[in-house]
């Protein structure tokens, strides 16, 4: 392959990767129809993460971390997660779950949840989901872990007839790649 074609291929791949990451980030969203607000990303509203950081506003990842901490369910099992545009110093995060729709409005300067709508959730929803229990067991093995894992990926595979749950995530400046044995309950590094 000649240098010109290879350079174009690299640019196209980088663009596709960045667009894919933006789509997976959950930041590109539309506000609920009742609000009748604009659509787009929080970055577009604030001029990008760098500008948001300069103005003292939280970025979409920080907002999601705040909501994840306050929510009675793990956001990993949520669907249709949307982070709205920043308006009047507030950002609304909405998502669906098996229990119904959730909505949290966060003050982007203080990180305080100023409004929330939560459906009724049974006391221990995680106890019925073996995958969620496996993920939580992995998190529990990380010393000092108190929530806020990012870039979490979960994969279930079978090895010698035993289901194994592979959990990869970033937390505290480190990357973790761990495996939970569904039969024994043991957690090990990969």
N, C-alpha and C. Protein backbone atom coordinates (compact mmCIF):
# COMPACT_ATOMS: atom_id res chain seq x y z
N UNK A 1 0.86 -1.17 0.00
CA UNK A 1 0.00 0.00 0.00
C UNK A 1 0.90 1.23 0.00
N UNK A 2 0.59 2.21 -0.86
CA UNK A 2 1.43 3.40 -0.92
C UNK A 2 1.17 4.31 0.28
N UNK A 3 2.09 5.23 0.53
CA UNK A 3 2.03 6.08 1.72
C UNK A 3 0.78 6.96 1.74
N UNK A 4 0.38 7.48 0.60
CA UNK A 4 -0.79 8.35 0.54
C UNK A 4 -2.05 7.57 0.92
N UNK A 5 -2.21 6.38 0.36
CA UNK A 5 -3.39 5.56 0.66
C UNK A 5 -3.37 5.11 2.12
N UNK A 6 -2.19 4.77 2.64
CA UNK A 6 -2.07 4.35 4.03
C UNK A 6 -2.42 5.51 4.97
N UNK A 7 -1.98 6.71 4.65
CA UNK A 7 -2.30 7.88 5.47
C UNK A 7 -3.79 8.16 5.48
N UNK A 8 -4.45 8.02 4.32
CA UNK A 8 -5.89 8.21 4.24
C UNK A 8 -6.62 7.15 5.05
N UNK A 9 -6.14 5.91 4.99
CA UNK A 9 -6.74 4.83 5.76
C UNK A 9 -6.65 5.11 7.25
N UNK A 10 -5.52 5.60 7.71
CA UNK A 10 -5.34 5.92 9.13
C UNK A 10 -6.30 7.03 9.55
N UNK A 11 -6.45 8.04 8.71
CA UNK A 11 -7.35 9.15 9.03
C UNK A 11 -8.79 8.66 9.10
N UNK A 12 -9.21 7.86 8.13
CA UNK A 12 -10.57 7.34 8.13
C UNK A 12 -10.81 6.46 9.35
N UNK A 13 -9.84 5.60 9.68
CA UNK A 13 -9.98 4.74 10.87
C UNK A 13 -10.06 5.58 12.16
N UNK A 14 -9.24 6.60 12.26
CA UNK A 14 -9.26 7.46 13.44
C UNK A 14 -10.59 8.19 13.56
N UNK A 15 -11.12 8.68 12.43
CA UNK A 15 -12.41 9.35 12.45
C UNK A 15 -13.52 8.38 12.85
N UNK A 16 -13.50 7.18 12.27
CA UNK A 16 -14.51 6.18 12.61
C UNK A 16 -14.43 5.82 14.09
N UNK A 17 -13.23 5.67 14.61
CA UNK A 17 -13.06 5.34 16.02
C UNK A 17 -13.57 6.47 16.91
N UNK A 18 -13.24 7.71 16.58
CA UNK A 18 -13.69 8.82 17.41
C UNK A 18 -15.21 8.97 17.35
N UNK A 19 -15.81 8.75 16.18
CA UNK A 19 -17.27 8.81 16.08
C UNK A 19 -17.90 7.67 16.85
N UNK A 20 -17.29 6.50 16.78
CA UNK A 20 -17.81 5.35 17.53
C UNK A 20 -17.71 5.58 19.02
N UNK A 21 -16.61 6.15 19.47
CA UNK A 21 -16.46 6.43 20.91
C UNK A 21 -17.47 7.47 21.35
N UNK A 22 -17.71 8.48 20.53
CA UNK A 22 -18.70 9.50 20.90
C UNK A 22 -20.08 8.89 20.99
N UNK A 23 -20.39 7.98 20.06
CA UNK A 23 -21.70 7.34 20.09
C UNK A 23 -21.83 6.43 21.30
N UNK A 24 -20.77 5.74 21.68
CA UNK A 24 -20.81 4.84 22.83
C UNK A 24 -20.77 5.59 24.15
N UNK A 25 -20.30 6.82 24.12
CA UNK A 25 -20.13 7.60 25.34
C UNK A 25 -21.45 7.89 26.03
N UNK A 26 -22.54 7.85 25.28
CA UNK A 26 -23.83 8.16 25.87
C UNK A 26 -24.06 9.65 26.02
N UNK A 27 -23.14 10.48 25.53
CA UNK A 27 -23.28 11.92 25.71
C UNK A 27 -24.18 12.54 24.65
N UNK A 28 -24.31 11.93 23.49
CA UNK A 28 -25.14 12.50 22.45
C UNK A 28 -26.58 12.10 22.69
N UNK A 29 -27.41 13.08 22.96
CA UNK A 29 -28.75 12.74 23.41
C UNK A 29 -29.79 13.74 22.99
N UNK A 30 -31.01 13.37 23.28
CA UNK A 30 -32.13 14.27 23.11
C UNK A 30 -32.86 14.34 24.43
N UNK A 31 -33.21 15.52 24.83
CA UNK A 31 -33.96 15.71 26.07
C UNK A 31 -35.33 15.09 25.94
N UNK A 32 -35.99 14.77 27.03
CA UNK A 32 -37.35 14.26 26.96
C UNK A 32 -38.26 15.25 26.24
N UNK A 33 -39.24 14.72 25.52
CA UNK A 33 -40.12 15.55 24.70
C UNK A 33 -40.86 16.58 25.53
N UNK A 34 -41.19 16.27 26.78
CA UNK A 34 -41.93 17.21 27.61
C UNK A 34 -41.16 18.50 27.81
N UNK A 35 -39.82 18.42 27.85
CA UNK A 35 -39.00 19.61 28.05
C UNK A 35 -38.92 20.46 26.81
N UNK A 36 -39.09 19.83 25.63
CA UNK A 36 -39.04 20.56 24.38
C UNK A 36 -37.73 21.28 24.18
N UNK A 37 -36.62 20.69 24.60
CA UNK A 37 -35.33 21.37 24.51
C UNK A 37 -34.54 20.90 23.32
N UNK A 38 -33.38 21.50 23.14
CA UNK A 38 -32.50 21.18 22.03
C UNK A 38 -31.93 19.78 22.20
N UNK A 39 -31.32 19.29 21.10
CA UNK A 39 -30.61 18.02 21.18
C UNK A 39 -29.15 18.27 20.86
N UNK A 40 -28.31 17.32 21.24
CA UNK A 40 -26.89 17.43 20.98
C UNK A 40 -26.14 16.87 22.16
N UNK A 41 -24.88 17.19 22.25
CA UNK A 41 -24.08 16.70 23.36
C UNK A 41 -23.82 17.81 24.35
N UNK A 42 -23.48 17.40 25.54
CA UNK A 42 -23.11 18.39 26.55
C UNK A 42 -21.86 19.14 26.10
N UNK A 43 -20.96 18.44 25.37
CA UNK A 43 -19.76 19.09 24.87
C UNK A 43 -20.12 20.20 23.88
N UNK A 44 -21.12 19.94 23.01
CA UNK A 44 -21.52 20.97 22.06
C UNK A 44 -22.07 22.19 22.79
N UNK A 45 -22.85 21.96 23.82
CA UNK A 45 -23.46 23.06 24.58
C UNK A 45 -22.39 23.89 25.28
N UNK A 46 -21.42 23.21 25.87
CA UNK A 46 -20.43 23.92 26.68
C UNK A 46 -19.18 24.29 25.90
N UNK A 47 -19.10 23.87 24.64
CA UNK A 47 -17.92 24.19 23.85
C UNK A 47 -16.83 23.15 24.02
N UNK A 48 -17.15 21.96 24.50
CA UNK A 48 -16.17 20.89 24.66
C UNK A 48 -15.75 20.75 26.10
N UNK A 49 -15.17 19.60 26.41
CA UNK A 49 -14.75 19.32 27.79
C UNK A 49 -13.74 20.33 28.29
N UNK A 50 -12.84 20.75 27.42
CA UNK A 50 -11.82 21.70 27.88
C UNK A 50 -12.48 23.00 28.30
N UNK A 51 -13.41 23.51 27.49
CA UNK A 51 -14.08 24.76 27.85
C UNK A 51 -14.92 24.57 29.10
N UNK A 52 -15.57 23.40 29.22
CA UNK A 52 -16.38 23.15 30.40
C UNK A 52 -15.50 23.14 31.64
N UNK A 53 -14.33 22.54 31.54
CA UNK A 53 -13.42 22.49 32.67
C UNK A 53 -12.95 23.89 33.06
N UNK A 54 -12.74 24.76 32.06
CA UNK A 54 -12.28 26.11 32.33
C UNK A 54 -13.36 26.93 33.02
N UNK A 55 -14.63 26.64 32.71
CA UNK A 55 -15.71 27.41 33.31
C UNK A 55 -16.15 26.81 34.64
N UNK A 56 -15.56 25.71 35.06
CA UNK A 56 -15.89 25.09 36.33
C UNK A 56 -17.07 24.14 36.25
N UNK A 57 -17.56 23.84 35.05
CA UNK A 57 -18.67 22.91 34.90
C UNK A 57 -18.17 21.48 34.81
N UNK A 58 -18.97 20.56 35.32
CA UNK A 58 -18.65 19.14 35.24
C UNK A 58 -18.81 18.65 33.81
N UNK A 59 -17.98 17.68 33.41
CA UNK A 59 -18.13 17.10 32.09
C UNK A 59 -19.15 15.96 32.15
N UNK A 60 -19.61 15.44 31.01
CA UNK A 60 -20.64 14.39 31.00
C UNK A 60 -20.25 13.15 31.81
N UNK A 61 -18.98 12.74 31.77
CA UNK A 61 -18.56 11.56 32.54
C UNK A 61 -18.72 11.80 34.04
N UNK A 62 -18.36 12.97 34.51
CA UNK A 62 -18.50 13.29 35.94
C UNK A 62 -19.97 13.33 36.34
N UNK A 63 -20.81 13.86 35.45
CA UNK A 63 -22.25 13.91 35.73
C UNK A 63 -22.81 12.50 35.83
N UNK A 64 -22.41 11.62 34.90
CA UNK A 64 -22.86 10.22 34.96
C UNK A 64 -22.40 9.53 36.23
N UNK A 65 -21.18 9.82 36.68
CA UNK A 65 -20.67 9.23 37.93
C UNK A 65 -21.54 9.65 39.11
N UNK A 66 -21.95 10.92 39.14
CA UNK A 66 -22.80 11.42 40.23
C UNK A 66 -24.15 10.69 40.22
N UNK A 67 -24.72 10.56 39.04
CA UNK A 67 -26.01 9.87 38.91
C UNK A 67 -25.87 8.40 39.30
N UNK A 68 -24.79 7.76 38.86
CA UNK A 68 -24.57 6.34 39.18
C UNK A 68 -24.50 6.13 40.68
N UNK A 69 -23.84 7.05 41.39
CA UNK A 69 -23.75 6.95 42.85
C UNK A 69 -25.10 7.10 43.53
N UNK A 70 -25.96 7.97 43.00
CA UNK A 70 -27.24 8.26 43.62
C UNK A 70 -28.33 7.25 43.26
N UNK A 71 -28.15 6.56 42.17
CA UNK A 71 -29.19 5.68 41.64
C UNK A 71 -29.24 4.36 42.41
N UNK A 72 -30.46 3.84 42.67
CA UNK A 72 -30.57 2.57 43.38
C UNK A 72 -30.23 1.35 42.54
N UNK A 73 -30.04 1.53 41.22
CA UNK A 73 -29.62 0.42 40.37
C UNK A 73 -28.27 0.76 39.75
N UNK A 74 -27.58 -0.24 39.27
CA UNK A 74 -26.31 -0.04 38.59
C UNK A 74 -26.60 0.44 37.17
N UNK A 75 -25.96 1.51 36.73
CA UNK A 75 -26.21 2.04 35.38
C UNK A 75 -25.80 1.05 34.29
N UNK A 76 -25.02 0.03 34.64
CA UNK A 76 -24.65 -0.98 33.64
C UNK A 76 -25.87 -1.73 33.14
N UNK A 77 -26.93 -1.80 33.92
CA UNK A 77 -28.13 -2.51 33.48
C UNK A 77 -29.18 -1.55 32.93
N UNK A 78 -28.87 -0.27 32.89
CA UNK A 78 -29.80 0.73 32.36
C UNK A 78 -29.76 0.70 30.83
N UNK A 79 -30.85 1.13 30.22
CA UNK A 79 -30.91 1.23 28.77
C UNK A 79 -31.29 2.66 28.39
N UNK A 80 -30.97 3.00 27.14
CA UNK A 80 -31.37 4.30 26.60
C UNK A 80 -30.88 5.46 27.47
N UNK A 81 -29.62 5.39 27.91
CA UNK A 81 -29.05 6.44 28.77
C UNK A 81 -28.80 7.68 27.92
N UNK A 82 -29.32 8.82 28.40
CA UNK A 82 -29.17 10.08 27.68
C UNK A 82 -28.70 11.17 28.64
N UNK A 83 -27.68 11.91 28.21
CA UNK A 83 -27.20 13.07 28.96
C UNK A 83 -27.59 14.29 28.14
N UNK A 84 -28.44 15.14 28.70
CA UNK A 84 -28.95 16.30 27.98
C UNK A 84 -27.96 17.44 27.91
N UNK A 85 -28.36 18.46 27.20
CA UNK A 85 -27.56 19.68 27.09
C UNK A 85 -27.56 20.42 28.42
N UNK A 86 -26.51 21.18 28.64
CA UNK A 86 -26.43 22.00 29.84
C UNK A 86 -27.26 23.26 29.59
N UNK A 87 -28.27 23.46 30.44
CA UNK A 87 -29.12 24.64 30.33
C UNK A 87 -29.33 25.21 31.72
N UNK A 88 -29.14 26.51 31.85
CA UNK A 88 -29.30 27.19 33.13
C UNK A 88 -28.46 26.54 34.22
N UNK A 89 -27.25 26.07 33.86
CA UNK A 89 -26.35 25.48 34.83
C UNK A 89 -26.75 24.09 35.29
N UNK A 90 -27.67 23.46 34.56
CA UNK A 90 -28.15 22.13 34.94
C UNK A 90 -28.11 21.19 33.74
N UNK A 91 -27.99 19.91 34.04
CA UNK A 91 -27.97 18.88 33.01
C UNK A 91 -28.86 17.74 33.48
N UNK A 92 -29.71 17.24 32.58
CA UNK A 92 -30.62 16.16 32.94
C UNK A 92 -30.14 14.85 32.31
N UNK A 93 -30.10 13.81 33.14
CA UNK A 93 -29.73 12.46 32.70
C UNK A 93 -30.98 11.61 32.82
N UNK A 94 -31.34 10.92 31.72
CA UNK A 94 -32.49 10.04 31.74
C UNK A 94 -32.08 8.66 31.26
N UNK A 95 -32.76 7.64 31.75
CA UNK A 95 -32.54 6.27 31.27
C UNK A 95 -33.71 5.40 31.68
N UNK A 96 -33.77 4.24 31.05
CA UNK A 96 -34.82 3.27 31.33
C UNK A 96 -34.22 2.06 32.03
N UNK A 97 -35.08 1.33 32.72
CA UNK A 97 -34.68 0.09 33.38
C UNK A 97 -35.88 -0.83 33.44
N UNK A 98 -35.67 -2.03 33.93
CA UNK A 98 -36.78 -2.96 34.08
C UNK A 98 -37.81 -2.45 35.09
N UNK A 99 -37.45 -1.47 35.91
CA UNK A 99 -38.34 -0.93 36.92
C UNK A 99 -39.11 0.29 36.42
N UNK A 100 -38.67 0.86 35.30
CA UNK A 100 -39.31 2.04 34.75
C UNK A 100 -38.28 3.11 34.43
N UNK A 101 -38.74 4.30 34.00
CA UNK A 101 -37.81 5.38 33.63
C UNK A 101 -37.26 6.13 34.85
N UNK A 102 -36.01 6.57 34.73
CA UNK A 102 -35.33 7.38 35.74
C UNK A 102 -34.99 8.72 35.13
N UNK A 103 -34.94 9.76 35.95
CA UNK A 103 -34.52 11.09 35.49
C UNK A 103 -33.82 11.81 36.65
N UNK A 104 -32.64 12.35 36.39
CA UNK A 104 -31.88 13.10 37.39
C UNK A 104 -31.44 14.41 36.77
N UNK A 105 -31.64 15.51 37.48
CA UNK A 105 -31.15 16.81 37.05
C UNK A 105 -30.02 17.21 38.00
N UNK A 106 -28.85 17.48 37.42
CA UNK A 106 -27.64 17.75 38.19
C UNK A 106 -27.19 19.19 37.97
N UNK A 107 -26.86 19.89 39.06
CA UNK A 107 -26.25 21.21 38.96
C UNK A 107 -24.81 20.99 38.50
N UNK A 108 -24.44 21.50 37.32
CA UNK A 108 -23.14 21.19 36.73
C UNK A 108 -21.98 21.92 37.40
N UNK A 109 -22.27 22.82 38.29
CA UNK A 109 -21.19 23.52 39.01
C UNK A 109 -20.91 22.85 40.35
N UNK A 110 -21.98 22.50 41.07
CA UNK A 110 -21.81 21.92 42.41
C UNK A 110 -21.85 20.40 42.42
N UNK A 111 -22.43 19.79 41.38
CA UNK A 111 -22.58 18.34 41.36
C UNK A 111 -23.77 17.85 42.18
N UNK A 112 -24.58 18.76 42.68
CA UNK A 112 -25.73 18.40 43.49
C UNK A 112 -26.88 17.96 42.58
N UNK A 113 -27.57 16.89 42.99
CA UNK A 113 -28.77 16.46 42.27
C UNK A 113 -29.91 17.34 42.78
N UNK A 114 -30.46 18.16 41.89
CA UNK A 114 -31.48 19.12 42.30
C UNK A 114 -32.90 18.60 42.06
N UNK A 115 -33.02 17.56 41.25
CA UNK A 115 -34.33 16.96 41.00
C UNK A 115 -34.13 15.53 40.53
N UNK A 116 -35.01 14.63 40.99
CA UNK A 116 -34.91 13.25 40.52
C UNK A 116 -36.28 12.60 40.48
N UNK A 117 -36.42 11.70 39.52
CA UNK A 117 -37.62 10.89 39.39
C UNK A 117 -37.15 9.45 39.29
N UNK A 118 -37.57 8.64 40.26
CA UNK A 118 -37.17 7.23 40.30
C UNK A 118 -38.40 6.35 40.47
N UNK A 119 -38.48 5.27 39.71
CA UNK A 119 -39.57 4.33 39.95
C UNK A 119 -39.26 3.53 41.22
N UNK A 120 -40.26 2.82 41.72
CA UNK A 120 -40.03 1.99 42.90
C UNK A 120 -39.13 0.81 42.51
N UNK A 121 -38.07 0.62 43.29
CA UNK A 121 -37.12 -0.45 43.03
C UNK A 121 -37.09 -1.36 44.25
N UNK A 122 -37.21 -2.68 44.06
CA UNK A 122 -37.13 -3.59 45.21
C UNK A 122 -35.81 -3.41 45.95
N UNK A 123 -35.81 -3.76 47.22
CA UNK A 123 -34.63 -3.56 48.08
C UNK A 123 -33.34 -4.13 47.50
N UNK A 124 -33.35 -5.33 46.95
CA UNK A 124 -32.13 -5.95 46.46
C UNK A 124 -32.31 -6.43 45.02
N UNK A 125 -32.37 -5.51 44.06
CA UNK A 125 -32.59 -5.93 42.68
C UNK A 125 -31.43 -6.75 42.12
N UNK A 126 -30.23 -6.55 42.62
CA UNK A 126 -29.06 -7.24 42.07
C UNK A 126 -29.05 -8.71 42.41
N UNK A 127 -29.74 -9.14 43.45
CA UNK A 127 -29.67 -10.52 43.89
C UNK A 127 -30.22 -11.49 42.85
N UNK A 128 -31.08 -11.02 41.94
CA UNK A 128 -31.65 -11.88 40.92
C UNK A 128 -30.79 -11.97 39.67
N UNK A 129 -29.81 -11.13 39.53
CA UNK A 129 -29.00 -11.10 38.32
C UNK A 129 -27.59 -11.62 38.61
N UNK A 130 -27.27 -12.83 38.15
CA UNK A 130 -25.95 -13.40 38.44
C UNK A 130 -24.80 -12.62 37.81
N UNK A 131 -25.04 -11.99 36.66
CA UNK A 131 -23.97 -11.21 36.02
C UNK A 131 -23.67 -9.97 36.85
N UNK A 132 -24.71 -9.29 37.31
CA UNK A 132 -24.48 -8.11 38.14
C UNK A 132 -23.78 -8.49 39.45
N UNK A 133 -24.16 -9.63 40.03
CA UNK A 133 -23.47 -10.10 41.26
C UNK A 133 -22.00 -10.36 40.96
N UNK A 134 -21.70 -10.94 39.79
CA UNK A 134 -20.31 -11.22 39.42
C UNK A 134 -19.53 -9.92 39.27
N UNK A 135 -20.12 -8.94 38.61
CA UNK A 135 -19.45 -7.65 38.42
C UNK A 135 -19.20 -6.99 39.78
N UNK A 136 -20.20 -7.03 40.65
CA UNK A 136 -20.03 -6.44 41.98
C UNK A 136 -18.95 -7.16 42.77
N UNK A 137 -18.87 -8.48 42.64
CA UNK A 137 -17.83 -9.26 43.33
C UNK A 137 -16.44 -8.84 42.83
N UNK A 138 -16.32 -8.58 41.54
CA UNK A 138 -15.04 -8.12 40.99
C UNK A 138 -14.70 -6.76 41.58
N UNK A 139 -15.65 -5.82 41.58
CA UNK A 139 -15.41 -4.50 42.14
C UNK A 139 -15.01 -4.60 43.62
N UNK A 140 -15.64 -5.50 44.35
CA UNK A 140 -15.36 -5.65 45.78
C UNK A 140 -13.93 -6.12 46.06
N UNK A 141 -13.28 -6.74 45.08
CA UNK A 141 -11.91 -7.22 45.30
C UNK A 141 -10.86 -6.12 45.11
N UNK A 142 -11.26 -5.00 44.53
CA UNK A 142 -10.32 -3.90 44.29
C UNK A 142 -10.23 -3.06 45.56
N UNK A 143 -9.04 -3.01 46.12
CA UNK A 143 -8.82 -2.29 47.38
C UNK A 143 -9.16 -0.82 47.23
N UNK A 144 -10.01 -0.33 48.13
CA UNK A 144 -10.38 1.07 48.15
C UNK A 144 -11.46 1.46 47.16
N UNK A 145 -11.97 0.50 46.39
CA UNK A 145 -12.97 0.83 45.38
C UNK A 145 -14.23 1.36 46.04
N UNK A 146 -14.69 2.53 45.55
CA UNK A 146 -15.89 3.15 46.11
C UNK A 146 -16.82 3.63 45.01
N UNK A 147 -16.77 2.99 43.86
CA UNK A 147 -17.61 3.37 42.73
C UNK A 147 -16.86 4.21 41.74
N UNK A 148 -17.47 4.45 40.61
CA UNK A 148 -16.88 5.32 39.59
C UNK A 148 -16.07 4.61 38.53
N UNK A 149 -16.23 3.29 38.37
CA UNK A 149 -15.52 2.58 37.31
C UNK A 149 -15.93 3.16 35.96
N UNK A 150 -14.98 3.21 35.05
CA UNK A 150 -15.25 3.74 33.72
C UNK A 150 -14.83 2.71 32.69
N UNK A 151 -15.37 2.87 31.49
CA UNK A 151 -15.04 2.00 30.36
C UNK A 151 -15.23 0.52 30.72
N UNK A 152 -16.30 0.23 31.40
CA UNK A 152 -16.57 -1.13 31.86
C UNK A 152 -17.06 -1.99 30.70
N UNK A 153 -16.44 -3.16 30.55
CA UNK A 153 -16.87 -4.13 29.54
C UNK A 153 -17.03 -5.48 30.23
N UNK A 154 -18.15 -6.15 29.97
CA UNK A 154 -18.44 -7.43 30.59
C UNK A 154 -18.69 -8.46 29.50
N UNK A 155 -18.07 -9.63 29.64
CA UNK A 155 -18.24 -10.69 28.66
C UNK A 155 -18.39 -12.01 29.42
N UNK A 156 -19.35 -12.82 29.01
CA UNK A 156 -19.56 -14.13 29.63
C UNK A 156 -19.08 -15.19 28.64
N UNK A 157 -18.27 -16.11 29.13
CA UNK A 157 -17.78 -17.21 28.30
C UNK A 157 -17.85 -18.50 29.10
N UNK A 158 -17.78 -19.61 28.41
CA UNK A 158 -17.78 -20.91 29.08
C UNK A 158 -16.42 -21.55 28.90
N UNK A 159 -15.85 -22.01 30.00
CA UNK A 159 -14.53 -22.63 29.98
C UNK A 159 -14.64 -23.96 30.74
N UNK A 160 -14.43 -25.06 30.05
CA UNK A 160 -14.56 -26.40 30.64
C UNK A 160 -15.92 -26.59 31.32
N UNK A 161 -16.97 -26.09 30.69
CA UNK A 161 -18.32 -26.25 31.22
C UNK A 161 -18.69 -25.28 32.34
N UNK A 162 -17.80 -24.37 32.69
CA UNK A 162 -18.06 -23.41 33.77
C UNK A 162 -18.17 -22.01 33.17
N UNK A 163 -19.22 -21.28 33.56
CA UNK A 163 -19.36 -19.91 33.07
C UNK A 163 -18.38 -19.00 33.79
N UNK A 164 -17.70 -18.20 33.01
CA UNK A 164 -16.75 -17.22 33.51
C UNK A 164 -17.21 -15.84 33.05
N UNK A 165 -17.14 -14.86 33.95
CA UNK A 165 -17.52 -13.50 33.62
C UNK A 165 -16.25 -12.65 33.60
N UNK A 166 -15.90 -12.17 32.41
CA UNK A 166 -14.72 -11.32 32.26
C UNK A 166 -15.16 -9.87 32.44
N UNK A 167 -14.47 -9.14 33.31
CA UNK A 167 -14.82 -7.75 33.58
C UNK A 167 -13.57 -6.90 33.40
N UNK A 168 -13.65 -5.95 32.47
CA UNK A 168 -12.56 -4.98 32.26
C UNK A 168 -13.09 -3.61 32.60
N UNK A 169 -12.28 -2.81 33.29
CA UNK A 169 -12.70 -1.45 33.62
C UNK A 169 -11.49 -0.62 34.01
N UNK A 170 -11.69 0.69 34.01
CA UNK A 170 -10.67 1.64 34.45
C UNK A 170 -11.16 2.28 35.74
N UNK A 171 -10.26 2.41 36.69
CA UNK A 171 -10.60 3.09 37.93
C UNK A 171 -9.31 3.51 38.63
N UNK A 172 -9.32 4.69 39.19
CA UNK A 172 -8.18 5.18 39.95
C UNK A 172 -6.90 5.24 39.14
N UNK A 173 -7.02 5.53 37.84
CA UNK A 173 -5.84 5.64 36.99
C UNK A 173 -5.26 4.31 36.56
N UNK A 174 -5.95 3.21 36.83
CA UNK A 174 -5.45 1.89 36.45
C UNK A 174 -6.49 1.15 35.61
N UNK A 175 -6.01 0.23 34.80
CA UNK A 175 -6.89 -0.64 34.01
C UNK A 175 -6.94 -2.01 34.69
N UNK A 176 -8.13 -2.53 34.86
CA UNK A 176 -8.32 -3.84 35.49
C UNK A 176 -8.92 -4.80 34.48
N UNK A 177 -8.44 -6.02 34.47
CA UNK A 177 -8.94 -7.09 33.60
C UNK A 177 -9.06 -8.32 34.48
N UNK A 178 -10.29 -8.64 34.92
CA UNK A 178 -10.48 -9.68 35.91
C UNK A 178 -11.52 -10.69 35.45
N UNK A 179 -11.52 -11.86 36.08
CA UNK A 179 -12.45 -12.94 35.73
C UNK A 179 -13.12 -13.45 37.00
N UNK A 180 -14.43 -13.64 36.91
CA UNK A 180 -15.22 -14.19 38.01
C UNK A 180 -15.69 -15.59 37.60
N UNK A 181 -15.40 -16.58 38.43
CA UNK A 181 -15.81 -17.96 38.18
C UNK A 181 -17.20 -18.15 38.77
N UNK A 182 -18.22 -18.39 37.93
CA UNK A 182 -19.61 -18.49 38.39
C UNK A 182 -19.83 -19.72 39.28
N UNK A 183 -19.01 -20.73 39.13
CA UNK A 183 -19.18 -21.94 39.93
C UNK A 183 -18.59 -21.80 41.33
N UNK A 184 -17.39 -21.23 41.42
CA UNK A 184 -16.70 -21.14 42.70
C UNK A 184 -16.83 -19.78 43.37
N UNK A 185 -17.17 -18.75 42.59
CA UNK A 185 -17.25 -17.40 43.14
C UNK A 185 -15.89 -16.73 43.28
N UNK A 186 -14.84 -17.36 42.74
CA UNK A 186 -13.49 -16.79 42.85
C UNK A 186 -13.27 -15.71 41.79
N UNK A 187 -12.49 -14.71 42.18
CA UNK A 187 -12.11 -13.62 41.26
C UNK A 187 -10.61 -13.70 41.05
N UNK A 188 -10.19 -13.61 39.79
CA UNK A 188 -8.75 -13.64 39.51
C UNK A 188 -8.42 -12.62 38.42
N UNK A 189 -7.15 -12.23 38.38
CA UNK A 189 -6.65 -11.30 37.35
C UNK A 189 -6.47 -12.08 36.06
N UNK A 190 -6.66 -11.41 34.93
CA UNK A 190 -6.39 -12.05 33.63
C UNK A 190 -5.04 -11.62 33.14
